[in-house]
Each structure stands twice: as C-alpha cells, then as structure tokens.
Amino acid sequence: MTTSFFDTMPRIIGHRGARGLAPENTLVSFRKAAEVGTKSIEIDVTLTADGVPVIHHDMDVKRCTDGSGPILLKTFEEIRDLDAGSWFSDQYRGVRIPTLEETLDCLADLGISLNLEVKPCAGWQVPTAETVGQFLNTHLKDRFPILLSSFDIEALVTIGRITPHLPLGYLTEAIAPDWEKRLSEAGAASLHVQREFVTEAAVRDVQSAGYKFLVYTVNDEDEAKRLLDWGVDAVITDYPDRLLPLI
C-alpha cells in the first residue's frame, strides 16, 4: 500500500495544477506546479460519452476550450480535437484535455501527490464514481499518494466502496450544521471548505473530531497566512508560487 496522502500532504496545494500560471487541468499546468515547487495538486476528473476518464472541471467545455457543449455528450475522440490552451494564452495553443491515465503517468514522473476530485454530471454520480474507481484500481499501482474528493456524497460512497484503501474528502461551500454526520456517511477523512466560510472555531471543531481541514481557493497571501495560523491542514491555491514562501 502506498503512503497515505495525509502522511505527506503539504500545507500548500496547487489548484487544477497551477491554474493561475498555466491552462487549468492540463499536463502543462501540472508541470508548472511542480516547477515552482508544489508537492501536491488538486484536479478534477469526469467522463466522456464513451466512458473515458478525463481531467476537466466544468460540465461544458466552452470556458476552457475552443468547443462547446456538455463533455458527457462528446466522445473521447471529439474531446481530443479540442484546444484547451489558447483561451489562456497563445503560448499554450494546441494543449489538449488529458486523460486520467496520462495524468497519472505525468504525476508519477513529477513525484507529487494528488487530490482527485470526482466531478460527475447530475444523474451520473454512480457511473462516474464506478468508472474512476475501477480505473484507479487498475492503473494507480501505488505510484504516489492520492486523496479522492467530491461535493457529492453518493459519488464518495460509491468510489470509497471500490477503493477502500484510498482516503476520501468531502467538499462543501458553507459548513452545514450536520457536517459531522455528512462526513461519517461519506466515510470521509477530511472536510474541504470554501474560504469565505472558514472560521477559527470551525477549524478547531472539525480537527477536534478527528478530521483534516482543507480550504479552497486561497490566492491572497495575507488570507493564506491567517488560515495557516489558525491551523488549517492545507490551503488550495491557483498561485502556489505566491503562497509557498509562507511555509
């Protein structure tokens, strides 16, 4: 069994690679994150129409490619034809949406750990989690630490059943009053909270209950320092180069 994600988790995690420095959720973004010293990244996985796990955040490809329409309605061949880099800069023209397999190979070469967020389309929670979980069981091969996370409890429960050896993180915006019940139902080991909704008391309560506390997406150095001083386990940022000097 590979080292647990939390045993090696740094306090600064790159968001979608290094989203502020290169086109998000692409191999060039992962390499840029490593280049500036990032030891772990958070990225998103979803499915194509023909069931290929690919790295992409939105349900529609319009924002980050030269195409449009739901990714779930496009075959992998159609996804592969899209330019996922020129929207960010002409320097990245021709960059493609990577597969999960390509990503695992890339991160193994870079030697960094992974927080993989499962991003199913509504209604596709179970098939997405099943496909990704089965893929990880076949292809991960204990090459580096990984944490699986999702906003969707059904997806977490499903993938947790398939990959019981991997830790789970529950994503939320605000912290619900029944947060401990939700974490227990999901089998999660960590709570990931949107930065605006984090309080020092919440950090203390969650950690006292035995869970890790991660915060997203933090790009301001002063805010990051305050959160780190409060003792959050990690902050997720678009600009790891800005926040890494804080630690």
C-alpha atoms as a PDB file:
ATOM      1  CA  MET A   1       0.000   0.000   0.000  1.00  0.00           C
ATOM      2  CA  THR A   2       1.276   3.474  -0.874  1.00  0.00           C
ATOM      3  CA  THR A   3       1.952   6.114   1.759  1.00  0.00           C
ATOM      4  CA  SER A   4      -1.259   7.772   2.919  1.00  0.00           C
ATOM      5  CA  PHE A   5      -1.985  11.114   1.297  1.00  0.00           C
ATOM      6  CA  PHE A   6      -2.193  12.821   4.670  1.00  0.00           C
ATOM      7  CA  ASP A   7       1.197  11.485   5.776  1.00  0.00           C
ATOM      8  CA  THR A   8       2.880  13.557   3.076  1.00  0.00           C
ATOM      9  CA  MET A   9       0.305  16.304   2.416  1.00  0.00           C
ATOM     10  CA  PRO A  10       1.929  19.746   2.127  1.00  0.00           C
ATOM     11  CA  ARG A  11       0.156  22.792   3.509  1.00  0.00           C
ATOM     12  CA  ILE A  12       0.058  24.423   0.056  1.00  0.00           C
ATOM     13  CA  ILE A  13      -1.734  22.514  -2.743  1.00  0.00           C
ATOM     14  CA  GLY A  14      -1.924  23.673  -6.364  1.00  0.00           C
ATOM     15  CA  HIS A  15      -5.463  24.184  -7.721  1.00  0.00           C
ATOM     16  CA  ARG A  16      -6.081  22.402 -11.044  1.00  0.00           C
ATOM     17  CA  GLY A  17      -2.322  22.215 -11.272  1.00  0.00           C
ATOM     18  CA  ALA A  18      -1.217  25.839 -11.124  1.00  0.00           C
ATOM     19  CA  ARG A  19      -4.358  27.434 -12.526  1.00  0.00           C
ATOM     20  CA  GLY A  20      -3.082  30.992 -12.317  1.00  0.00           C
ATOM     21  CA  LEU A  21       0.114  30.190 -14.206  1.00  0.00           C
ATOM     22  CA  ALA A  22      -0.995  27.826 -16.999  1.00  0.00           C
ATOM     23  CA  PRO A  23      -4.241  26.482 -18.511  1.00  0.00           C
ATOM     24  CA  GLU A  24      -6.039  24.597 -15.747  1.00  0.00           C
ATOM     25  CA  ASN A  25      -6.304  20.807 -15.609  1.00  0.00           C
ATOM     26  CA  THR A  26      -3.695  20.221 -18.325  1.00  0.00           C
ATOM     27  CA  LEU A  27      -0.352  18.474 -18.252  1.00  0.00           C
ATOM     28  CA  VAL A  28       1.434  21.812 -18.716  1.00  0.00           C
ATOM     29  CA  SER A  29      -0.339  23.137 -15.630  1.00  0.00           C
ATOM     30  CA  PHE A  30       0.727  20.104 -13.591  1.00  0.00           C
ATOM     31  CA  ARG A  31       4.317  20.535 -14.741  1.00  0.00           C
ATOM     32  CA  LYS A  32       4.215  24.259 -13.981  1.00  0.00           C
ATOM     33  CA  ALA A  33       3.009  23.493 -10.465  1.00  0.00           C
ATOM     34  CA  ALA A  34       5.920  21.132  -9.935  1.00  0.00           C
ATOM     35  CA  GLU A  35       8.318  23.639 -11.493  1.00  0.00           C
ATOM     36  CA  VAL A  36       7.511  26.280  -8.857  1.00  0.00           C
ATOM     37  CA  GLY A  37       7.920  23.753  -6.037  1.00  0.00           C
ATOM     38  CA  THR A  38       4.403  22.409  -5.480  1.00  0.00           C
ATOM     39  CA  LYS A  39       4.343  18.947  -3.896  1.00  0.00           C
ATOM     40  CA  SER A  40       0.638  18.210  -4.379  1.00  0.00           C
ATOM     41  CA  ILE A  41      -2.153  19.315  -6.724  1.00  0.00           C
ATOM     42  CA  GLU A  42      -5.954  19.195  -6.807  1.00  0.00           C
ATOM     43  CA  ILE A  43      -7.598  18.389 -10.158  1.00  0.00           C
ATOM     44  CA  ASP A  44     -10.972  17.236 -11.493  1.00  0.00           C
ATOM     45  CA  VAL A  45     -11.999  14.043 -13.265  1.00  0.00           C
ATOM     46  CA  THR A  46     -15.153  13.426 -15.282  1.00  0.00           C
ATOM     47  CA  LEU A  47     -16.302  11.110 -18.094  1.00  0.00           C
ATOM     48  CA  THR A  48     -16.715  11.386 -21.847  1.00  0.00           C
ATOM     49  CA  ALA A  49     -19.697   9.886 -23.664  1.00  0.00           C
ATOM     50  CA  ASP A  50     -17.725   6.694 -24.298  1.00  0.00           C
ATOM     51  CA  GLY A  51     -16.639   6.363 -20.689  1.00  0.00           C
ATOM     52  CA  VAL A  52     -13.071   7.688 -20.797  1.00  0.00           C
ATOM     53  CA  PRO A  53     -11.996   9.448 -17.570  1.00  0.00           C
ATOM     54  CA  VAL A  54     -10.569  12.857 -18.493  1.00  0.00           C
ATOM     55  CA  ILE A  55      -9.356  15.835 -16.490  1.00  0.00           C
ATOM     56  CA  HIS A  56     -11.789  18.743 -16.766  1.00  0.00           C
ATOM     57  CA  HIS A  57     -13.691  20.910 -14.305  1.00  0.00           C
ATOM     58  CA  ASP A  58     -16.843  22.229 -15.987  1.00  0.00           C
ATOM     59  CA  MET A  59     -19.716  20.151 -17.273  1.00  0.00           C
ATOM     60  CA  ASP A  60     -19.489  22.169 -20.515  1.00  0.00           C
ATOM     61  CA  VAL A  61     -16.233  22.517 -22.451  1.00  0.00           C
ATOM     62  CA  LYS A  62     -16.937  26.110 -23.535  1.00  0.00           C
ATOM     63  CA  ARG A  63     -14.973  28.058 -20.890  1.00  0.00           C
ATOM     64  CA  CYS A  64     -11.646  26.271 -21.272  1.00  0.00           C
ATOM     65  CA  THR A  65     -11.606  25.057 -24.887  1.00  0.00           C
ATOM     66  CA  ASP A  66     -12.480  26.202 -28.388  1.00  0.00           C
ATOM     67  CA  GLY A  67     -15.570  23.980 -28.352  1.00  0.00           C
ATOM     68  CA  SER A  68     -18.952  23.988 -26.621  1.00  0.00           C
ATOM     69  CA  GLY A  69     -21.448  21.552 -25.175  1.00  0.00           C
ATOM     70  CA  PRO A  70     -21.542  19.010 -22.338  1.00  0.00           C
ATOM     71  CA  ILE A  71     -18.439  16.867 -22.042  1.00  0.00           C
ATOM     72  CA  LEU A  72     -20.633  13.865 -21.229  1.00  0.00           C
ATOM     73  CA  LEU A  73     -22.175  14.090 -24.716  1.00  0.00           C
ATOM     74  CA  LYS A  74     -18.823  14.075 -26.515  1.00  0.00           C
ATOM     75  CA  THR A  75     -16.709  11.059 -27.377  1.00  0.00           C
ATOM     76  CA  PHE A  76     -13.085  10.995 -26.340  1.00  0.00           C
ATOM     77  CA  GLU A  77     -12.089  11.492 -29.989  1.00  0.00           C
ATOM     78  CA  GLU A  78     -14.177  14.685 -30.071  1.00  0.00           C
ATOM     79  CA  ILE A  79     -12.674  15.857 -26.775  1.00  0.00           C
ATOM     80  CA  ARG A  80      -9.174  15.173 -28.060  1.00  0.00           C
ATOM     81  CA  ASP A  81      -9.709  17.522 -31.005  1.00  0.00           C
ATOM     82  CA  LEU A  82     -10.357  20.499 -28.715  1.00  0.00           C
ATOM     83  CA  ASP A  83      -7.763  23.180 -27.999  1.00  0.00           C
ATOM     84  CA  ALA A  84      -7.622  23.541 -24.213  1.00  0.00           C
ATOM     85  CA  GLY A  85      -4.755  26.022 -24.034  1.00  0.00           C
ATOM     86  CA  SER A  86      -5.196  29.038 -26.315  1.00  0.00           C
ATOM     87  CA  TRP A  87      -8.010  30.512 -24.159  1.00  0.00           C
ATOM     88  CA  PHE A  88      -5.317  31.098 -21.521  1.00  0.00           C
ATOM     89  CA  SER A  89      -2.537  32.285 -23.820  1.00  0.00           C
ATOM     90  CA  ASP A  90      -1.360  31.827 -27.386  1.00  0.00           C
ATOM     91  CA  GLN A  91       1.722  30.268 -25.841  1.00  0.00           C
ATOM     92  CA  TYR A  92      -0.407  27.228 -24.994  1.00  0.00           C
ATOM     93  CA  ARG A  93      -2.230  26.844 -28.298  1.00  0.00           C
ATOM     94  CA  GLY A  94      -2.784  23.170 -29.077  1.00  0.00           C
ATOM     95  CA  VAL A  95      -2.712  21.930 -25.472  1.00  0.00           C
ATOM     96  CA  ARG A  96      -5.239  19.116 -25.048  1.00  0.00           C
ATOM     97  CA  ILE A  97      -7.533  17.864 -22.293  1.00  0.00           C
ATOM     98  CA  PRO A  98      -5.587  14.996 -20.727  1.00  0.00           C
ATOM     99  CA  THR A  99      -6.887  11.563 -19.835  1.00  0.00           C
ATOM    100  CA  LEU A 100      -6.685  10.305 -16.280  1.00  0.00           C
ATOM    101  CA  GLU A 101      -4.169   7.724 -17.461  1.00  0.00           C
ATOM    102  CA  GLU A 102      -1.877  10.375 -18.947  1.00  0.00           C
ATOM    103  CA  THR A 103      -2.212  12.387 -15.776  1.00  0.00           C
ATOM    104  CA  LEU A 104      -1.229   9.515 -13.502  1.00  0.00           C
ATOM    105  CA  ASP A 105       1.849   8.888 -15.652  1.00  0.00           C
ATOM    106  CA  CYS A 106       2.750  12.587 -15.552  1.00  0.00           C
ATOM    107  CA  LEU A 107       2.386  12.902 -11.776  1.00  0.00           C
ATOM    108  CA  ALA A 108       4.381   9.733 -11.189  1.00  0.00           C
ATOM    109  CA  ASP A 109       7.201  11.292 -13.205  1.00  0.00           C
ATOM    110  CA  LEU A 110       6.901  14.579 -11.303  1.00  0.00           C
ATOM    111  CA  GLY A 111       6.818  12.867  -7.919  1.00  0.00           C
ATOM    112  CA  ILE A 112       3.904  14.846  -6.497  1.00  0.00           C
ATOM    113  CA  SER A 113       0.745  13.694  -4.746  1.00  0.00           C
ATOM    114  CA  LEU A 114      -2.829  14.114  -5.965  1.00  0.00           C
ATOM    115  CA  ASN A 115      -6.188  15.262  -4.647  1.00  0.00           C
ATOM    116  CA  LEU A 116      -8.526  13.945  -7.349  1.00  0.00           C
ATOM    117  CA  GLU A 117     -11.998  15.485  -7.277  1.00  0.00           C
ATOM    118  CA  VAL A 118     -14.741  13.363  -8.834  1.00  0.00           C
ATOM    119  CA  LYS A 119     -16.942  15.743 -10.888  1.00  0.00           C
ATOM    120  CA  PRO A 120     -19.995  13.852 -12.147  1.00  0.00           C
ATOM    121  CA  CYS A 121     -22.785  15.395 -14.147  1.00  0.00           C
ATOM    122  CA  ALA A 122     -26.024  15.347 -12.133  1.00  0.00           C
ATOM    123  CA  GLY A 123     -27.532  11.909 -12.569  1.00  0.00           C
ATOM    124  CA  TRP A 124     -24.151  10.332 -13.371  1.00  0.00           C
ATOM    125  CA  GLN A 125     -22.772  10.202  -9.847  1.00  0.00           C
ATOM    126  CA  VAL A 126     -22.651   6.423  -9.602  1.00  0.00           C
ATOM    127  CA  PRO A 127     -21.379   5.533 -13.109  1.00  0.00           C
ATOM    128  CA  THR A 128     -18.715   8.253 -12.889  1.00  0.00           C
ATOM    129  CA  ALA A 129     -17.506   7.116  -9.474  1.00  0.00           C
ATOM    130  CA  GLU A 130     -17.576   3.454 -10.508  1.00  0.00           C
ATOM    131  CA  THR A 131     -15.575   4.066 -13.683  1.00  0.00           C
ATOM    132  CA  VAL A 132     -12.978   6.244 -11.968  1.00  0.00           C
ATOM    133  CA  GLY A 133     -12.641   3.876  -9.013  1.00  0.00           C
ATOM    134  CA  GLN A 134     -12.174   0.819 -11.194  1.00  0.00           C
ATOM    135  CA  PHE A 135      -9.678   2.712 -13.341  1.00  0.00           C
ATOM    136  CA  LEU A 136      -7.622   3.702 -10.302  1.00  0.00           C
ATOM    137  CA  ASN A 137      -7.575   0.126  -9.034  1.00  0.00           C
ATOM    138  CA  THR A 138      -6.110  -0.965 -12.360  1.00  0.00           C
ATOM    139  CA  HIS A 139      -3.756   1.921 -13.156  1.00  0.00           C
ATOM    140  CA  LEU A 140      -2.656   3.693  -9.968  1.00  0.00           C
ATOM    141  CA  LYS A 141      -0.448   0.827  -8.752  1.00  0.00           C
ATOM    142  CA  ASP A 142       0.627   2.664  -5.577  1.00  0.00           C
ATOM    143  CA  ARG A 143       2.769   5.111  -7.569  1.00  0.00           C
ATOM    144  CA  PHE A 144       2.059   8.144  -5.355  1.00  0.00           C
ATOM    145  CA  PRO A 145      -0.328   9.224  -2.559  1.00  0.00           C
ATOM    146  CA  ILE A 146      -3.855  10.139  -3.607  1.00  0.00           C
ATOM    147  CA  LEU A 147      -6.926  11.621  -1.926  1.00  0.00           C
ATOM    148  CA  LEU A 148     -10.337  11.288  -3.584  1.00  0.00           C
ATOM    149  CA  SER A 149     -12.838  14.095  -3.008  1.00  0.00           C
ATOM    150  CA  SER A 150     -16.262  15.215  -4.191  1.00  0.00           C
ATOM    151  CA  PHE A 151     -19.165  17.519  -3.370  1.00  0.00           C
ATOM    152  CA  ASP A 152     -21.457  14.532  -3.907  1.00  0.00           C
ATOM    153  CA  ILE A 153     -21.849  12.058  -1.037  1.00  0.00           C
ATOM    154  CA  GLU A 154     -23.266   9.377  -3.348  1.00  0.00           C
ATOM    155  CA  ALA A 155     -20.155   9.601  -5.512  1.00  0.00           C
ATOM    156  CA  LEU A 156     -17.901   9.407  -2.448  1.00  0.00           C
ATOM    157  CA  VAL A 157     -19.687   6.388  -1.012  1.00  0.00           C
ATOM    158  CA  THR A 158     -19.543   4.627  -4.381  1.00  0.00           C
ATOM    159  CA  ILE A 159     -15.865   5.247  -5.063  1.00  0.00           C
ATOM    160  CA  GLY A 160     -14.998   4.535  -1.434  1.00  0.00           C
ATOM    161  CA  ARG A 161     -16.546   1.087  -1.751  1.00  0.00           C
ATOM    162  CA  ILE A 162     -14.429   0.374  -4.828  1.00  0.00           C
ATOM    163  CA  THR A 163     -11.171   1.869  -3.497  1.00  0.00           C
ATOM    164  CA  PRO A 164     -11.335   1.287   0.291  1.00  0.00           C
ATOM    165  CA  HIS A 165      -7.570   1.773   0.585  1.00  0.00           C
ATOM    166  CA  LEU A 166      -7.756   5.437  -0.522  1.00  0.00           C
ATOM    167  CA  PRO A 167      -8.848   8.306   1.785  1.00  0.00           C
ATOM    168  CA  LEU A 168     -11.878  10.437   0.954  1.00  0.00           C
ATOM    169  CA  GLY A 169     -12.536  14.162   1.316  1.00  0.00           C
ATOM    170  CA  TYR A 170     -15.961  15.816   1.450  1.00  0.00           C
ATOM    171  CA  LEU A 171     -16.236  19.135  -0.403  1.00  0.00           C
ATOM    172  CA  THR A 172     -18.650  21.861   0.630  1.00  0.00           C
ATOM    173  CA  GLU A 173     -19.059  25.594   0.309  1.00  0.00           C
ATOM    174  CA  ALA A 174     -20.533  26.555   3.687  1.00  0.00           C
ATOM    175  CA  ILE A 175     -20.246  24.171   6.636  1.00  0.00           C
ATOM    176  CA  ALA A 176     -23.629  22.579   7.339  1.00  0.00           C
ATOM    177  CA  PRO A 177     -24.789  22.146  10.962  1.00  0.00           C
ATOM    178  CA  ASP A 178     -24.745  18.368  10.417  1.00  0.00           C
ATOM    179  CA  TRP A 179     -21.220  18.354   8.961  1.00  0.00           C
ATOM    180  CA  GLU A 180     -20.066  15.533  11.214  1.00  0.00           C
ATOM    181  CA  LYS A 181     -22.981  13.316  10.140  1.00  0.00           C
ATOM    182  CA  ARG A 182     -22.221  14.019   6.482  1.00  0.00           C
ATOM    183  CA  LEU A 183     -18.544  13.196   6.880  1.00  0.00           C
ATOM    184  CA  SER A 184     -19.437   9.962   8.641  1.00  0.00           C
ATOM    185  CA  GLU A 185     -21.975   8.967   5.972  1.00  0.00           C
ATOM    186  CA  ALA A 186     -19.441   9.648   3.223  1.00  0.00           C
ATOM    187  CA  GLY A 187     -16.657   7.794   5.001  1.00  0.00           C
ATOM    188  CA  ALA A 188     -14.562  10.944   4.604  1.00  0.00           C
ATOM    189  CA  ALA A 189     -11.334  11.734   6.425  1.00  0.00           C
ATOM    190  CA  SER A 190     -11.251  15.431   5.529  1.00  0.00           C
ATOM    191  CA  LEU A 191     -13.544  18.422   5.084  1.00  0.00           C
ATOM    192  CA  HIS A 192     -12.778  20.871   2.256  1.00  0.00           C
ATOM    193  CA  VAL A 193     -14.412  24.280   2.731  1.00  0.00           C
ATOM    194  CA  GLN A 194     -14.720  27.398   0.573  1.00  0.00           C
ATOM    195  CA  ARG A 195     -12.521  30.097   2.068  1.00  0.00           C
ATOM    196  CA  GLU A 196     -15.296  32.641   2.756  1.00  0.00           C
ATOM    197  CA  PHE A 197     -16.993  30.245   5.164  1.00  0.00           C
ATOM    198  CA  VAL A 198     -13.994  29.303   7.303  1.00  0.00           C
ATOM    199  CA  THR A 199     -13.777  30.401  10.929  1.00  0.00           C
ATOM    200  CA  GLU A 200     -11.140  29.607  13.502  1.00  0.00           C
ATOM    201  CA  ALA A 201     -13.779  27.904  15.638  1.00  0.00           C
ATOM    202  CA  ALA A 202     -14.852  25.684  12.738  1.00  0.00           C
ATOM    203  CA  VAL A 203     -11.261  24.625  12.103  1.00  0.00           C
ATOM    204  CA  ARG A 204     -10.866  23.728  15.767  1.00  0.00           C
ATOM    205  CA  ASP A 205     -14.158  21.800  15.929  1.00  0.00           C
ATOM    206  CA  VAL A 206     -13.545  19.755  12.790  1.00  0.00           C
ATOM    207  CA  GLN A 207      -9.981  18.871  13.737  1.00  0.00           C
ATOM    208  CA  SER A 208     -11.012  18.018  17.305  1.00  0.00           C
ATOM    209  CA  ALA A 209     -13.447  15.494  15.835  1.00  0.00           C
ATOM    210  CA  GLY A 210     -10.511  13.796  14.079  1.00  0.00           C
ATOM    211  CA  TYR A 211     -10.839  15.195  10.561  1.00  0.00           C
ATOM    212  CA  LYS A 212      -8.418  17.149   8.371  1.00  0.00           C
ATOM    213  CA  PHE A 213      -9.469  20.671   7.340  1.00  0.00           C
ATOM    214  CA  LEU A 214      -8.608  21.961   3.840  1.00  0.00           C
ATOM    215  CA  VAL A 215      -9.576  25.360   2.392  1.00  0.00           C
ATOM    216  CA  TYR A 216     -10.110  26.441  -1.249  1.00  0.00           C
ATOM    217  CA  THR A 217      -9.399  28.616  -3.256  1.00  0.00           C
ATOM    218  CA  VAL A 218      -6.971  30.930  -1.456  1.00  0.00           C
ATOM    219  CA  ASN A 219      -4.908  33.341  -3.587  1.00  0.00           C
ATOM    220  CA  ASP A 220      -4.214  36.218  -1.198  1.00  0.00           C
ATOM    221  CA  GLU A 221      -1.045  35.888   0.882  1.00  0.00           C
ATOM    222  CA  ASP A 222      -2.474  37.632   3.960  1.00  0.00           C
ATOM    223  CA  GLU A 223      -5.588  35.460   3.940  1.00  0.00           C
ATOM    224  CA  ALA A 224      -3.481  32.331   3.484  1.00  0.00           C
ATOM    225  CA  LYS A 225      -1.252  33.296   6.405  1.00  0.00           C
ATOM    226  CA  ARG A 226      -4.282  33.844   8.642  1.00  0.00           C
ATOM    227  CA  LEU A 227      -5.710  30.440   7.727  1.00  0.00           C
ATOM    228  CA  LEU A 228      -2.383  28.719   8.246  1.00  0.00           C
ATOM    229  CA  ASP A 229      -2.037  30.452  11.616  1.00  0.00           C
ATOM    230  CA  TRP A 230      -5.459  29.090  12.514  1.00  0.00           C
ATOM    231  CA  GLY A 231      -4.016  25.651  11.879  1.00  0.00           C
ATOM    232  CA  VAL A 232      -5.812  24.529   8.737  1.00  0.00           C
ATOM    233  CA  ASP A 233      -4.136  21.430   7.359  1.00  0.00           C
ATOM    234  CA  ALA A 234      -3.791  22.794   3.821  1.00  0.00           C
ATOM    235  CA  VAL A 235      -4.859  25.610   1.529  1.00  0.00           C
ATOM    236  CA  ILE A 236      -5.558  25.084  -2.160  1.00  0.00           C
ATOM    237  CA  THR A 237      -4.427  27.899  -4.442  1.00  0.00           C
ATOM    238  CA  ASP A 238      -4.282  28.972  -8.079  1.00  0.00           C
ATOM    239  CA  TYR A 239      -0.881  30.543  -7.351  1.00  0.00           C
ATOM    240  CA  PRO A 240       1.297  28.119  -5.398  1.00  0.00           C
ATOM    241  CA  ASP A 241       4.317  30.250  -6.264  1.00  0.00           C
ATOM    242  CA  ARG A 242       2.849  33.090  -4.173  1.00  0.00           C
ATOM    243  CA  LEU A 243       1.948  31.017  -1.121  1.00  0.00           C
ATOM    244  CA  LEU A 244       4.812  28.537  -0.896  1.00  0.00           C
ATOM    245  CA  PRO A 245       7.132  31.180   0.673  1.00  0.00           C
ATOM    246  CA  LEU A 246       4.707  31.373   3.619  1.00  0.00           C
ATOM    247  CA  ILE A 247       5.800  27.929   4.781  1.00  0.00           C
END
